[in-house]
């Protein structure tokens, strides 16, 4: 099963457990994570369902291709890291 790992930057705001899913693409995997933690959706996706500007997703070490469709394919053993970029000075 693919593993979704939310980095601790998001953990400051709400619980971010690691999620195992058999989803075939990133959108379905994120939906599985949001089913268990609905508030997480607002930190990761904007009102149109696209990745927020300050969120980056890496799948098996490569940055996700599309911030809107989120249709990157997942392998059964994929490692997906979702992180909130830090900004400021």
C-alpha atoms as a PDB file:
ATOM      1  CA  UNK A   1       0.000   0.000   0.000  1.00  0.00           C
ATOM      2  CA  UNK A   2       1.139   3.539  -0.707  1.00  0.00           C
ATOM      3  CA  UNK A   3       2.120   5.578   2.338  1.00  0.00           C
ATOM      4  CA  UNK A   4       1.154   9.240   2.772  1.00  0.00           C
ATOM      5  CA  UNK A   5       3.423  11.056   5.172  1.00  0.00           C
ATOM      6  CA  UNK A   6       2.503  14.553   6.282  1.00  0.00           C
ATOM      7  CA  UNK A   7       5.467  16.500   7.604  1.00  0.00           C
ATOM      8  CA  UNK A   8       5.378  18.048  11.034  1.00  0.00           C
ATOM      9  CA  UNK A   9       4.835  21.598   9.767  1.00  0.00           C
ATOM     10  CA  UNK A  10       1.185  20.577   9.343  1.00  0.00           C
ATOM     11  CA  UNK A  11       1.303  18.815  12.703  1.00  0.00           C
ATOM     12  CA  UNK A  12       1.415  22.196  14.420  1.00  0.00           C
ATOM     13  CA  UNK A  13      -2.214  22.739  13.439  1.00  0.00           C
ATOM     14  CA  UNK A  14      -3.856  19.309  13.658  1.00  0.00           C
ATOM     15  CA  UNK A  15      -3.026  15.607  13.974  1.00  0.00           C
ATOM     16  CA  UNK A  16      -1.344  14.288  10.829  1.00  0.00           C
ATOM     17  CA  UNK A  17      -1.121  10.525  11.027  1.00  0.00           C
ATOM     18  CA  UNK A  18       0.639   8.489   8.378  1.00  0.00           C
ATOM     19  CA  UNK A  19      -1.967   7.068   5.985  1.00  0.00           C
ATOM     20  CA  UNK A  20      -1.818   3.782   4.084  1.00  0.00           C
ATOM     21  CA  UNK A  21      -3.938   3.578   0.949  1.00  0.00           C
ATOM     22  CA  UNK A  22      -4.384   1.451  -2.136  1.00  0.00           C
ATOM     23  CA  UNK A  23      -5.342   4.531  -4.195  1.00  0.00           C
ATOM     24  CA  UNK A  24      -4.123   4.582  -7.791  1.00  0.00           C
ATOM     25  CA  UNK A  25      -3.422   8.319  -7.959  1.00  0.00           C
ATOM     26  CA  UNK A  26      -2.584  11.275  -5.749  1.00  0.00           C
ATOM     27  CA  UNK A  27      -6.110  12.753  -5.711  1.00  0.00           C
ATOM     28  CA  UNK A  28      -7.652   9.489  -4.463  1.00  0.00           C
ATOM     29  CA  UNK A  29      -4.884   9.066  -1.889  1.00  0.00           C
ATOM     30  CA  UNK A  30      -5.438  12.565  -0.515  1.00  0.00           C
ATOM     31  CA  UNK A  31      -9.191  11.939  -0.394  1.00  0.00           C
ATOM     32  CA  UNK A  32      -8.501   8.836   1.708  1.00  0.00           C
ATOM     33  CA  UNK A  33      -6.435  10.930   4.121  1.00  0.00           C
ATOM     34  CA  UNK A  34      -9.108  13.633   4.306  1.00  0.00           C
ATOM     35  CA  UNK A  35     -11.763  11.023   5.096  1.00  0.00           C
ATOM     36  CA  UNK A  36      -9.931  10.285   8.340  1.00  0.00           C
ATOM     37  CA  UNK A  37      -9.025  13.918   9.096  1.00  0.00           C
ATOM     38  CA  UNK A  38     -11.457  16.286   7.297  1.00  0.00           C
ATOM     39  CA  UNK A  39      -9.837  19.490   8.605  1.00  0.00           C
ATOM     40  CA  UNK A  40      -6.620  18.521   6.847  1.00  0.00           C
ATOM     41  CA  UNK A  41      -8.204  19.268   3.457  1.00  0.00           C
ATOM     42  CA  UNK A  42      -8.203  23.022   4.093  1.00  0.00           C
ATOM     43  CA  UNK A  43      -4.488  23.031   4.888  1.00  0.00           C
ATOM     44  CA  UNK A  44      -3.550  21.077   1.745  1.00  0.00           C
ATOM     45  CA  UNK A  45      -6.101  22.107  -0.916  1.00  0.00           C
ATOM     46  CA  UNK A  46      -7.587  25.476  -1.814  1.00  0.00           C
ATOM     47  CA  UNK A  47     -11.261  26.205  -2.537  1.00  0.00           C
ATOM     48  CA  UNK A  48     -10.928  24.845  -6.103  1.00  0.00           C
ATOM     49  CA  UNK A  49      -9.426  21.557  -4.909  1.00  0.00           C
ATOM     50  CA  UNK A  50      -5.909  22.434  -6.113  1.00  0.00           C
ATOM     51  CA  UNK A  51      -2.777  22.206  -4.010  1.00  0.00           C
ATOM     52  CA  UNK A  52      -2.268  25.367  -1.999  1.00  0.00           C
ATOM     53  CA  UNK A  53       0.675  27.490  -3.139  1.00  0.00           C
ATOM     54  CA  UNK A  54       2.626  26.689   0.029  1.00  0.00           C
ATOM     55  CA  UNK A  55       2.145  22.903  -0.211  1.00  0.00           C
ATOM     56  CA  UNK A  56       4.545  20.612  -2.051  1.00  0.00           C
ATOM     57  CA  UNK A  57       4.067  16.885  -2.708  1.00  0.00           C
ATOM     58  CA  UNK A  58       6.833  14.420  -3.480  1.00  0.00           C
ATOM     59  CA  UNK A  59       6.043  10.945  -4.782  1.00  0.00           C
ATOM     60  CA  UNK A  60       8.916   8.498  -4.562  1.00  0.00           C
ATOM     61  CA  UNK A  61      11.369  11.390  -4.386  1.00  0.00           C
ATOM     62  CA  UNK A  62       9.948  13.338  -7.365  1.00  0.00           C
ATOM     63  CA  UNK A  63       7.843  16.458  -7.153  1.00  0.00           C
ATOM     64  CA  UNK A  64       4.221  15.960  -8.245  1.00  0.00           C
ATOM     65  CA  UNK A  65       3.552  17.170 -11.791  1.00  0.00           C
ATOM     66  CA  UNK A  66       0.172  18.851 -11.644  1.00  0.00           C
ATOM     67  CA  UNK A  67      -1.097  21.049  -8.806  1.00  0.00           C
ATOM     68  CA  UNK A  68      -4.686  21.057 -10.113  1.00  0.00           C
ATOM     69  CA  UNK A  69      -5.595  17.582 -11.374  1.00  0.00           C
ATOM     70  CA  UNK A  70      -3.433  15.710  -8.853  1.00  0.00           C
ATOM     71  CA  UNK A  71      -3.474  12.744 -11.213  1.00  0.00           C
ATOM     72  CA  UNK A  72       0.073  11.508 -10.573  1.00  0.00           C
ATOM     73  CA  UNK A  73       0.013   7.700 -10.545  1.00  0.00           C
ATOM     74  CA  UNK A  74       0.939   5.849  -7.372  1.00  0.00           C
ATOM     75  CA  UNK A  75       2.595   2.453  -7.225  1.00  0.00           C
ATOM     76  CA  UNK A  76       1.507   0.015  -4.529  1.00  0.00           C
ATOM     77  CA  UNK A  77       4.687   0.796  -2.575  1.00  0.00           C
ATOM     78  CA  UNK A  78       4.851   4.564  -3.218  1.00  0.00           C
ATOM     79  CA  UNK A  79       6.040   6.940  -0.511  1.00  0.00           C
ATOM     80  CA  UNK A  80       4.180  10.256  -0.725  1.00  0.00           C
ATOM     81  CA  UNK A  81       5.419  13.207   1.313  1.00  0.00           C
ATOM     82  CA  UNK A  82       3.129  16.192   1.757  1.00  0.00           C
ATOM     83  CA  UNK A  83       4.808  19.247   3.201  1.00  0.00           C
ATOM     84  CA  UNK A  84       4.004  22.834   3.835  1.00  0.00           C
ATOM     85  CA  UNK A  85       6.749  25.123   2.590  1.00  0.00           C
ATOM     86  CA  UNK A  86       8.112  27.494   5.205  1.00  0.00           C
ATOM     87  CA  UNK A  87       8.405  31.172   4.471  1.00  0.00           C
ATOM     88  CA  UNK A  88       9.401  34.284   6.293  1.00  0.00           C
ATOM     89  CA  UNK A  89      12.617  35.765   7.460  1.00  0.00           C
END
